Amino acid sequence: KQIFRNTRITLSVDGLYATGPVIQTCRENNWGYMIVLKEGCLPTVWEDALGLINIAPENSLTVKWGNRSQLYTWANDIEYEYSVGKNIRRLNLNVVLCYETWQETNSRSTGKTEQKEARYAWLSHVPLSKNNVFDRCIKIGRYRWKIENNILTEKH
């Protein structure tokens, strides 16, 4: 941060970092973030996000990305409380879910085409909308996997 004072920083990190103190540190340092939100992590945030998504169907976007169909749904300004010692801190969080489907041919064994599904979820530092949800998820959230997969040699 000291060396690159005027550089905009956005963290794209694993679900291990989906904690109040990490998010607060990002905000205090004016860092952007896309943090993986694993199911079971921050249960009150999940509950509120799913509830808000169900009552706000306008907060959704369907996209065709290569051979994959993606449905993005999101909820903004979810209140989250965490404690630091005896102090209670509050943050407003933005959550996006991506439901992805595609067909994959298993050419080595049966040659049959299978329908595949995946679900991804992230916390975003900016409120989500139809104008930014796809780019944030693909260029920041999903990009973390590409970085991680490309450094396997170095990791091992």
N, C-alpha and C. Protein backbone atom coordinates (compact mmCIF):
# COMPACT_ATOMS: atom_id res chain seq x y z
N LYS A 1 0.83 -1.20 0.00
CA LYS A 1 0.00 0.00 0.00
C LYS A 1 0.87 1.26 0.00
N GLN A 2 1.99 1.24 0.74
CA GLN A 2 2.86 2.41 0.79
C GLN A 2 3.57 2.63 -0.54
N ILE A 3 3.97 1.55 -1.20
CA ILE A 3 4.69 1.69 -2.46
C ILE A 3 3.77 2.14 -3.58
N PHE A 4 2.56 1.61 -3.61
CA PHE A 4 1.60 1.91 -4.68
C PHE A 4 0.45 2.75 -4.13
N ARG A 5 0.77 3.91 -3.60
CA ARG A 5 -0.22 4.76 -2.93
C ARG A 5 -1.41 5.13 -3.79
N ASN A 6 -1.20 5.42 -5.06
CA ASN A 6 -2.28 5.90 -5.92
C ASN A 6 -2.89 4.81 -6.80
N THR A 7 -2.50 3.56 -6.53
CA THR A 7 -3.03 2.45 -7.32
C THR A 7 -4.31 1.94 -6.69
N ARG A 8 -5.32 1.75 -7.54
CA ARG A 8 -6.57 1.16 -7.05
C ARG A 8 -6.35 -0.33 -6.84
N ILE A 9 -6.75 -0.83 -5.70
CA ILE A 9 -6.55 -2.23 -5.36
C ILE A 9 -7.90 -2.90 -5.17
N THR A 10 -8.07 -4.06 -5.80
CA THR A 10 -9.25 -4.87 -5.59
C THR A 10 -8.79 -6.28 -5.23
N LEU A 11 -9.25 -6.77 -4.10
CA LEU A 11 -8.89 -8.11 -3.66
C LEU A 11 -9.91 -9.11 -4.18
N SER A 12 -9.42 -10.19 -4.72
CA SER A 12 -10.25 -11.30 -5.16
C SER A 12 -9.77 -12.50 -4.36
N VAL A 13 -10.51 -12.84 -3.31
CA VAL A 13 -9.99 -13.81 -2.35
C VAL A 13 -11.00 -14.91 -2.04
N ASP A 14 -10.47 -15.95 -1.46
CA ASP A 14 -11.22 -17.15 -1.09
C ASP A 14 -12.16 -16.87 0.07
N GLY A 15 -13.07 -17.80 0.29
CA GLY A 15 -14.05 -17.69 1.35
C GLY A 15 -13.48 -17.65 2.76
N LEU A 16 -12.22 -18.02 2.93
CA LEU A 16 -11.60 -17.92 4.25
C LEU A 16 -11.57 -16.48 4.75
N TYR A 17 -11.63 -15.53 3.82
CA TYR A 17 -11.53 -14.12 4.16
C TYR A 17 -12.88 -13.42 4.26
N ALA A 18 -13.96 -14.18 4.22
CA ALA A 18 -15.30 -13.61 4.35
C ALA A 18 -15.62 -13.39 5.82
N THR A 19 -14.91 -12.43 6.40
CA THR A 19 -15.09 -12.11 7.82
C THR A 19 -15.21 -10.60 7.99
N GLY A 20 -15.87 -10.20 9.05
CA GLY A 20 -16.04 -8.78 9.32
C GLY A 20 -14.74 -8.01 9.39
N PRO A 21 -13.73 -8.48 10.15
CA PRO A 21 -12.48 -7.73 10.24
C PRO A 21 -11.77 -7.55 8.90
N VAL A 22 -11.79 -8.57 8.03
CA VAL A 22 -11.14 -8.44 6.72
C VAL A 22 -11.88 -7.42 5.87
N ILE A 23 -13.20 -7.49 5.86
CA ILE A 23 -13.99 -6.54 5.08
C ILE A 23 -13.80 -5.13 5.61
N GLN A 24 -13.75 -4.97 6.92
CA GLN A 24 -13.54 -3.65 7.52
C GLN A 24 -12.16 -3.10 7.13
N THR A 25 -11.15 -3.96 7.11
CA THR A 25 -9.80 -3.53 6.70
C THR A 25 -9.82 -3.05 5.25
N CYS A 26 -10.53 -3.78 4.39
CA CYS A 26 -10.64 -3.34 2.99
C CYS A 26 -11.28 -1.96 2.91
N ARG A 27 -12.33 -1.75 3.66
CA ARG A 27 -13.02 -0.45 3.63
C ARG A 27 -12.14 0.67 4.17
N GLU A 28 -11.44 0.40 5.26
CA GLU A 28 -10.58 1.43 5.85
C GLU A 28 -9.45 1.83 4.90
N ASN A 29 -8.99 0.89 4.07
CA ASN A 29 -7.90 1.17 3.14
C ASN A 29 -8.38 1.54 1.75
N ASN A 30 -9.70 1.63 1.59
CA ASN A 30 -10.31 1.98 0.30
C ASN A 30 -9.96 0.95 -0.78
N TRP A 31 -9.96 -0.33 -0.41
CA TRP A 31 -9.70 -1.42 -1.34
C TRP A 31 -11.03 -2.01 -1.77
N GLY A 32 -11.13 -2.33 -3.05
CA GLY A 32 -12.29 -3.06 -3.54
C GLY A 32 -12.12 -4.53 -3.19
N TYR A 33 -13.21 -5.29 -3.30
CA TYR A 33 -13.11 -6.73 -3.05
C TYR A 33 -14.25 -7.50 -3.72
N MET A 34 -13.93 -8.73 -4.06
CA MET A 34 -14.89 -9.77 -4.42
C MET A 34 -14.43 -10.97 -3.62
N ILE A 35 -15.19 -11.33 -2.61
CA ILE A 35 -14.82 -12.40 -1.69
C ILE A 35 -15.79 -13.56 -1.89
N VAL A 36 -15.25 -14.76 -2.09
CA VAL A 36 -16.09 -15.94 -2.22
C VAL A 36 -16.91 -16.09 -0.94
N LEU A 37 -18.19 -16.36 -1.11
CA LEU A 37 -19.07 -16.58 0.03
C LEU A 37 -19.52 -18.03 -0.01
N LYS A 38 -18.94 -18.84 0.85
CA LYS A 38 -19.28 -20.26 0.91
C LYS A 38 -20.57 -20.44 1.69
N GLU A 39 -21.34 -21.45 1.28
CA GLU A 39 -22.57 -21.74 1.99
C GLU A 39 -22.23 -22.14 3.43
N GLY A 40 -22.97 -21.61 4.37
CA GLY A 40 -22.71 -21.88 5.78
C GLY A 40 -21.84 -20.81 6.42
N CYS A 41 -21.12 -20.06 5.62
CA CYS A 41 -20.32 -18.95 6.12
C CYS A 41 -21.22 -17.72 6.19
N LEU A 42 -21.15 -16.97 7.26
CA LEU A 42 -22.02 -15.81 7.48
C LEU A 42 -23.49 -16.18 7.28
N PRO A 43 -24.02 -17.10 8.11
CA PRO A 43 -25.37 -17.63 7.90
C PRO A 43 -26.47 -16.56 7.88
N THR A 44 -26.33 -15.51 8.68
CA THR A 44 -27.38 -14.47 8.65
C THR A 44 -27.35 -13.69 7.35
N VAL A 45 -26.17 -13.53 6.77
CA VAL A 45 -26.06 -12.85 5.48
C VAL A 45 -26.70 -13.71 4.40
N TRP A 46 -26.43 -15.02 4.42
CA TRP A 46 -27.06 -15.93 3.45
C TRP A 46 -28.58 -15.85 3.56
N GLU A 47 -29.08 -15.94 4.77
CA GLU A 47 -30.53 -15.94 4.99
C GLU A 47 -31.16 -14.65 4.46
N ASP A 48 -30.56 -13.52 4.80
CA ASP A 48 -31.09 -12.24 4.34
C ASP A 48 -30.98 -12.10 2.83
N ALA A 49 -29.85 -12.54 2.26
CA ALA A 49 -29.66 -12.43 0.81
C ALA A 49 -30.71 -13.26 0.07
N LEU A 50 -30.90 -14.49 0.48
CA LEU A 50 -31.88 -15.35 -0.19
C LEU A 50 -33.30 -14.79 -0.05
N GLY A 51 -33.60 -14.24 1.12
CA GLY A 51 -34.92 -13.63 1.31
C GLY A 51 -35.13 -12.43 0.41
N LEU A 52 -34.13 -11.55 0.33
CA LEU A 52 -34.23 -10.36 -0.52
C LEU A 52 -34.27 -10.73 -2.00
N ILE A 53 -33.51 -11.73 -2.40
CA ILE A 53 -33.52 -12.17 -3.80
C ILE A 53 -34.90 -12.69 -4.18
N ASN A 54 -35.54 -13.40 -3.27
CA ASN A 54 -36.87 -13.94 -3.56
C ASN A 54 -37.93 -12.86 -3.73
N ILE A 55 -37.80 -11.75 -3.04
CA ILE A 55 -38.83 -10.70 -3.15
C ILE A 55 -38.45 -9.60 -4.14
N ALA A 56 -37.27 -9.71 -4.75
CA ALA A 56 -36.85 -8.70 -5.73
C ALA A 56 -36.39 -9.37 -7.02
N PRO A 57 -37.32 -9.95 -7.79
CA PRO A 57 -36.92 -10.65 -9.02
C PRO A 57 -36.29 -9.72 -10.07
N GLU A 58 -36.46 -8.42 -9.91
CA GLU A 58 -35.82 -7.49 -10.85
C GLU A 58 -34.31 -7.45 -10.68
N ASN A 59 -33.81 -7.96 -9.55
CA ASN A 59 -32.37 -8.02 -9.31
C ASN A 59 -31.82 -9.33 -9.85
N SER A 60 -31.98 -9.51 -11.17
CA SER A 60 -31.46 -10.72 -11.80
C SER A 60 -31.07 -10.40 -13.24
N LEU A 61 -30.17 -11.22 -13.75
CA LEU A 61 -29.69 -11.04 -15.12
C LEU A 61 -29.32 -12.42 -15.66
N THR A 62 -29.82 -12.75 -16.86
CA THR A 62 -29.47 -14.00 -17.51
C THR A 62 -28.50 -13.68 -18.65
N VAL A 63 -27.40 -14.45 -18.70
CA VAL A 63 -26.33 -14.19 -19.68
C VAL A 63 -25.92 -15.51 -20.30
N LYS A 64 -25.59 -15.47 -21.57
CA LYS A 64 -24.97 -16.61 -22.25
C LYS A 64 -23.48 -16.29 -22.34
N TRP A 65 -22.64 -17.10 -21.71
CA TRP A 65 -21.20 -16.88 -21.67
C TRP A 65 -20.52 -18.10 -22.27
N GLY A 66 -20.07 -17.99 -23.50
CA GLY A 66 -19.52 -19.16 -24.20
C GLY A 66 -20.61 -20.20 -24.36
N ASN A 67 -20.34 -21.42 -23.91
CA ASN A 67 -21.35 -22.48 -23.97
C ASN A 67 -22.13 -22.62 -22.67
N ARG A 68 -22.04 -21.63 -21.81
CA ARG A 68 -22.68 -21.69 -20.49
C ARG A 68 -23.79 -20.65 -20.38
N SER A 69 -24.85 -21.06 -19.70
CA SER A 69 -25.93 -20.14 -19.37
C SER A 69 -25.76 -19.75 -17.91
N GLN A 70 -25.85 -18.48 -17.64
CA GLN A 70 -25.67 -17.99 -16.28
C GLN A 70 -26.86 -17.15 -15.85
N LEU A 71 -27.29 -17.38 -14.62
CA LEU A 71 -28.32 -16.56 -14.01
C LEU A 71 -27.70 -15.90 -12.79
N TYR A 72 -27.64 -14.58 -12.83
CA TYR A 72 -27.12 -13.80 -11.70
C TYR A 72 -28.30 -13.24 -10.92
N THR A 73 -28.24 -13.38 -9.62
CA THR A 73 -29.21 -12.74 -8.73
C THR A 73 -28.43 -12.08 -7.60
N TRP A 74 -28.94 -10.98 -7.09
CA TRP A 74 -28.16 -10.28 -6.07
C TRP A 74 -29.07 -9.55 -5.09
N ALA A 75 -28.45 -9.20 -3.96
CA ALA A 75 -29.10 -8.40 -2.92
C ALA A 75 -28.06 -7.43 -2.39
N ASN A 76 -28.46 -6.17 -2.28
CA ASN A 76 -27.56 -5.11 -1.81
C ASN A 76 -27.94 -4.67 -0.40
N ASP A 77 -26.96 -4.10 0.29
CA ASP A 77 -27.16 -3.47 1.60
C ASP A 77 -27.72 -4.42 2.65
N ILE A 78 -27.12 -5.59 2.76
CA ILE A 78 -27.49 -6.55 3.79
C ILE A 78 -26.71 -6.20 5.05
N GLU A 79 -27.41 -5.97 6.13
CA GLU A 79 -26.73 -5.59 7.37
C GLU A 79 -26.11 -6.82 8.03
N TYR A 80 -24.85 -6.67 8.39
CA TYR A 80 -24.09 -7.76 9.02
C TYR A 80 -23.43 -7.20 10.28
N GLU A 81 -23.59 -7.92 11.38
CA GLU A 81 -22.97 -7.53 12.64
C GLU A 81 -21.91 -8.55 13.04
N TYR A 82 -20.81 -8.06 13.56
CA TYR A 82 -19.77 -8.93 14.09
C TYR A 82 -19.16 -8.25 15.31
N SER A 83 -18.51 -9.03 16.14
CA SER A 83 -17.95 -8.45 17.36
C SER A 83 -16.43 -8.46 17.32
N VAL A 84 -15.88 -7.40 17.88
CA VAL A 84 -14.45 -7.28 18.09
C VAL A 84 -14.30 -6.99 19.58
N GLY A 85 -13.89 -8.02 20.30
CA GLY A 85 -13.86 -7.88 21.75
C GLY A 85 -15.29 -7.71 22.26
N LYS A 86 -15.54 -6.64 22.98
CA LYS A 86 -16.89 -6.37 23.50
C LYS A 86 -17.67 -5.42 22.60
N ASN A 87 -17.04 -4.97 21.53
CA ASN A 87 -17.70 -4.03 20.62
C ASN A 87 -18.41 -4.75 19.48
N ILE A 88 -19.59 -4.27 19.15
CA ILE A 88 -20.35 -4.77 18.02
C ILE A 88 -20.14 -3.81 16.85
N ARG A 89 -19.75 -4.35 15.72
CA ARG A 89 -19.56 -3.53 14.52
C ARG A 89 -20.59 -3.95 13.47
N ARG A 90 -20.97 -3.00 12.63
CA ARG A 90 -21.96 -3.26 11.59
C ARG A 90 -21.40 -2.91 10.22
N LEU A 91 -21.70 -3.74 9.27
CA LEU A 91 -21.32 -3.50 7.88
C LEU A 91 -22.54 -3.76 7.00
N ASN A 92 -22.63 -3.06 5.89
CA ASN A 92 -23.62 -3.38 4.87
C ASN A 92 -22.90 -4.10 3.75
N LEU A 93 -23.41 -5.28 3.39
CA LEU A 93 -22.76 -6.13 2.40
C LEU A 93 -23.64 -6.30 1.17
N ASN A 94 -23.00 -6.56 0.05
CA ASN A 94 -23.67 -6.83 -1.22
C ASN A 94 -23.32 -8.25 -1.63
N VAL A 95 -24.34 -9.05 -1.94
CA VAL A 95 -24.15 -10.46 -2.25
C VAL A 95 -24.66 -10.75 -3.65
N VAL A 96 -23.89 -11.52 -4.41
CA VAL A 96 -24.32 -11.97 -5.74
C VAL A 96 -24.18 -13.48 -5.81
N LEU A 97 -25.20 -14.12 -6.40
CA LEU A 97 -25.18 -15.56 -6.67
C LEU A 97 -25.19 -15.76 -8.18
N CYS A 98 -24.43 -16.72 -8.65
CA CYS A 98 -24.40 -17.07 -10.07
C CYS A 98 -24.72 -18.55 -10.19
N TYR A 99 -25.82 -18.86 -10.89
CA TYR A 99 -26.19 -20.23 -11.19
C TYR A 99 -25.80 -20.48 -12.65
N GLU A 100 -24.97 -21.49 -12.86
CA GLU A 100 -24.41 -21.72 -14.18
C GLU A 100 -24.76 -23.14 -14.64
N THR A 101 -25.19 -23.27 -15.90
CA THR A 101 -25.46 -24.58 -16.47
C THR A 101 -24.75 -24.69 -17.82
N TRP A 102 -24.32 -25.92 -18.16
CA TRP A 102 -23.68 -26.18 -19.44
C TRP A 102 -23.76 -27.67 -19.73
N GLN A 103 -23.50 -28.02 -20.96
CA GLN A 103 -23.46 -29.43 -21.35
C GLN A 103 -22.02 -29.83 -21.59
N GLU A 104 -21.70 -31.05 -21.14
CA GLU A 104 -20.34 -31.56 -21.27
C GLU A 104 -20.40 -32.97 -21.81
N THR A 105 -19.58 -33.25 -22.81
CA THR A 105 -19.53 -34.58 -23.40
C THR A 105 -18.40 -35.37 -22.76
N ASN A 106 -18.73 -36.53 -22.25
CA ASN A 106 -17.73 -37.40 -21.64
C ASN A 106 -17.23 -38.34 -22.73
N SER A 107 -16.26 -37.91 -23.51
CA SER A 107 -15.81 -38.65 -24.68
C SER A 107 -14.96 -39.87 -24.34
N ARG A 108 -14.32 -39.91 -23.20
CA ARG A 108 -13.44 -41.03 -22.88
C ARG A 108 -14.19 -42.29 -22.47
N SER A 109 -15.29 -42.14 -21.76
CA SER A 109 -15.97 -43.35 -21.29
C SER A 109 -17.22 -43.65 -22.11
N THR A 110 -18.29 -42.94 -21.86
CA THR A 110 -19.56 -43.28 -22.50
C THR A 110 -19.85 -42.47 -23.75
N GLY A 111 -19.27 -41.30 -23.87
CA GLY A 111 -19.56 -40.44 -25.00
C GLY A 111 -20.89 -39.70 -24.85
N LYS A 112 -21.53 -39.88 -23.72
CA LYS A 112 -22.81 -39.22 -23.49
C LYS A 112 -22.62 -37.76 -23.10
N THR A 113 -23.60 -36.96 -23.44
CA THR A 113 -23.60 -35.55 -23.06
C THR A 113 -24.33 -35.41 -21.73
N GLU A 114 -23.69 -34.74 -20.79
CA GLU A 114 -24.26 -34.55 -19.46
C GLU A 114 -24.57 -33.09 -19.23
N GLN A 115 -25.66 -32.83 -18.51
CA GLN A 115 -26.01 -31.48 -18.08
C GLN A 115 -25.27 -31.21 -16.77
N LYS A 116 -24.49 -30.15 -16.72
CA LYS A 116 -23.72 -29.80 -15.53
C LYS A 116 -24.27 -28.51 -14.93
N GLU A 117 -24.11 -28.38 -13.63
CA GLU A 117 -24.57 -27.18 -12.91
C GLU A 117 -23.53 -26.77 -11.88
N ALA A 118 -23.47 -25.49 -11.62
CA ALA A 118 -22.60 -24.96 -10.57
C ALA A 118 -23.24 -23.71 -10.00
N ARG A 119 -22.90 -23.42 -8.76
CA ARG A 119 -23.37 -22.19 -8.15
C ARG A 119 -22.17 -21.51 -7.50
N TYR A 120 -22.08 -20.21 -7.72
CA TYR A 120 -21.02 -19.40 -7.14
C TYR A 120 -21.67 -18.27 -6.35
N ALA A 121 -20.98 -17.81 -5.33
CA ALA A 121 -21.49 -16.67 -4.55
C ALA A 121 -20.31 -15.82 -4.10
N TRP A 122 -20.53 -14.50 -4.12
CA TRP A 122 -19.49 -13.57 -3.72
C TRP A 122 -20.07 -12.41 -2.92
N LEU A 123 -19.20 -11.80 -2.13
CA LEU A 123 -19.46 -10.51 -1.50
C LEU A 123 -18.76 -9.46 -2.35
N SER A 124 -19.44 -8.37 -2.62
CA SER A 124 -18.88 -7.31 -3.44
C SER A 124 -18.84 -6.00 -2.65
N HIS A 125 -17.81 -5.21 -2.87
CA HIS A 125 -17.73 -3.93 -2.15
C HIS A 125 -18.64 -2.87 -2.75
N VAL A 126 -19.05 -3.05 -4.00
CA VAL A 126 -19.95 -2.07 -4.62
C VAL A 126 -21.33 -2.67 -4.76
N PRO A 127 -22.37 -1.86 -4.67
CA PRO A 127 -23.72 -2.37 -4.92
C PRO A 127 -23.81 -2.93 -6.34
N LEU A 128 -24.54 -3.99 -6.48
CA LEU A 128 -24.64 -4.69 -7.75
C LEU A 128 -25.87 -4.23 -8.53
N SER A 129 -25.74 -4.26 -9.85
CA SER A 129 -26.84 -3.88 -10.73
C SER A 129 -26.69 -4.64 -12.05
N LYS A 130 -27.66 -4.51 -12.92
CA LYS A 130 -27.57 -5.16 -14.23
C LYS A 130 -26.38 -4.63 -15.03
N ASN A 131 -25.95 -3.42 -14.72
CA ASN A 131 -24.85 -2.81 -15.46
C ASN A 131 -23.47 -3.31 -15.05
N ASN A 132 -23.33 -3.87 -13.82
CA ASN A 132 -21.99 -4.24 -13.38
C ASN A 132 -21.83 -5.68 -12.91
N VAL A 133 -22.92 -6.40 -12.73
CA VAL A 133 -22.83 -7.72 -12.10
C VAL A 133 -22.02 -8.71 -12.94
N PHE A 134 -22.23 -8.76 -14.24
CA PHE A 134 -21.50 -9.73 -15.08
C PHE A 134 -20.00 -9.44 -15.07
N ASP A 135 -19.62 -8.20 -15.31
CA ASP A 135 -18.19 -7.87 -15.33
C ASP A 135 -17.52 -8.13 -13.99
N ARG A 136 -18.16 -7.78 -12.91
CA ARG A 136 -17.56 -8.00 -11.58
C ARG A 136 -17.35 -9.49 -11.32
N CYS A 137 -18.33 -10.29 -11.67
CA CYS A 137 -18.22 -11.72 -11.39
C CYS A 137 -17.22 -12.41 -12.31
N ILE A 138 -17.24 -12.09 -13.59
CA ILE A 138 -16.34 -12.76 -14.54
C ILE A 138 -14.92 -12.21 -14.44
N LYS A 139 -14.78 -10.89 -14.41
CA LYS A 139 -13.44 -10.29 -14.45
C LYS A 139 -12.75 -10.26 -13.10
N ILE A 140 -13.51 -10.32 -12.01
CA ILE A 140 -12.87 -10.27 -10.70
C ILE A 140 -13.11 -11.57 -9.93
N GLY A 141 -14.37 -11.93 -9.71
CA GLY A 141 -14.69 -13.10 -8.91
C GLY A 141 -14.16 -14.40 -9.50
N ARG A 142 -14.48 -14.65 -10.76
CA ARG A 142 -14.05 -15.90 -11.41
C ARG A 142 -12.57 -15.86 -11.76
N TYR A 143 -12.01 -14.71 -11.94
CA TYR A 143 -10.61 -14.60 -12.32
C TYR A 143 -9.69 -15.17 -11.25
N ARG A 144 -10.14 -15.16 -10.01
CA ARG A 144 -9.35 -15.72 -8.92
C ARG A 144 -9.02 -17.19 -9.19
N TRP A 145 -9.98 -17.94 -9.76
CA TRP A 145 -9.73 -19.35 -10.07
C TRP A 145 -8.64 -19.49 -11.11
N LYS A 146 -8.65 -18.61 -12.10
CA LYS A 146 -7.64 -18.68 -13.15
C LYS A 146 -6.25 -18.43 -12.56
N ILE A 147 -6.15 -17.46 -11.69
CA ILE A 147 -4.86 -17.16 -11.05
C ILE A 147 -4.41 -18.37 -10.24
N GLU A 148 -5.33 -18.92 -9.43
CA GLU A 148 -4.97 -20.03 -8.55
C GLU A 148 -4.59 -21.27 -9.36
N ASN A 149 -5.32 -21.56 -10.42
CA ASN A 149 -5.02 -22.73 -11.22
C ASN A 149 -3.72 -22.60 -12.01
N ASN A 150 -3.35 -21.39 -12.37
CA ASN A 150 -2.14 -21.17 -13.16
C ASN A 150 -0.86 -21.15 -12.31
N ILE A 151 -0.98 -21.13 -10.99
CA ILE A 151 0.23 -21.14 -10.16
C ILE A 151 0.39 -22.46 -9.39
N LEU A 152 -0.25 -23.51 -9.88
CA LEU A 152 -0.15 -24.79 -9.19
C LEU A 152 1.29 -25.28 -9.09
N THR A 153 2.09 -25.11 -10.13
CA THR A 153 3.49 -25.54 -10.10
C THR A 153 4.22 -24.81 -8.99
N GLU A 154 4.03 -23.50 -8.92
CA GLU A 154 4.70 -22.71 -7.89
C GLU A 154 4.23 -23.11 -6.48
N LYS A 155 2.94 -23.41 -6.35
CA LYS A 155 2.39 -23.77 -5.05
C LYS A 155 2.95 -25.10 -4.55
N HIS A 156 3.19 -26.02 -5.49
CA HIS A 156 3.65 -27.35 -5.08
C HIS A 156 5.15 -27.46 -5.13
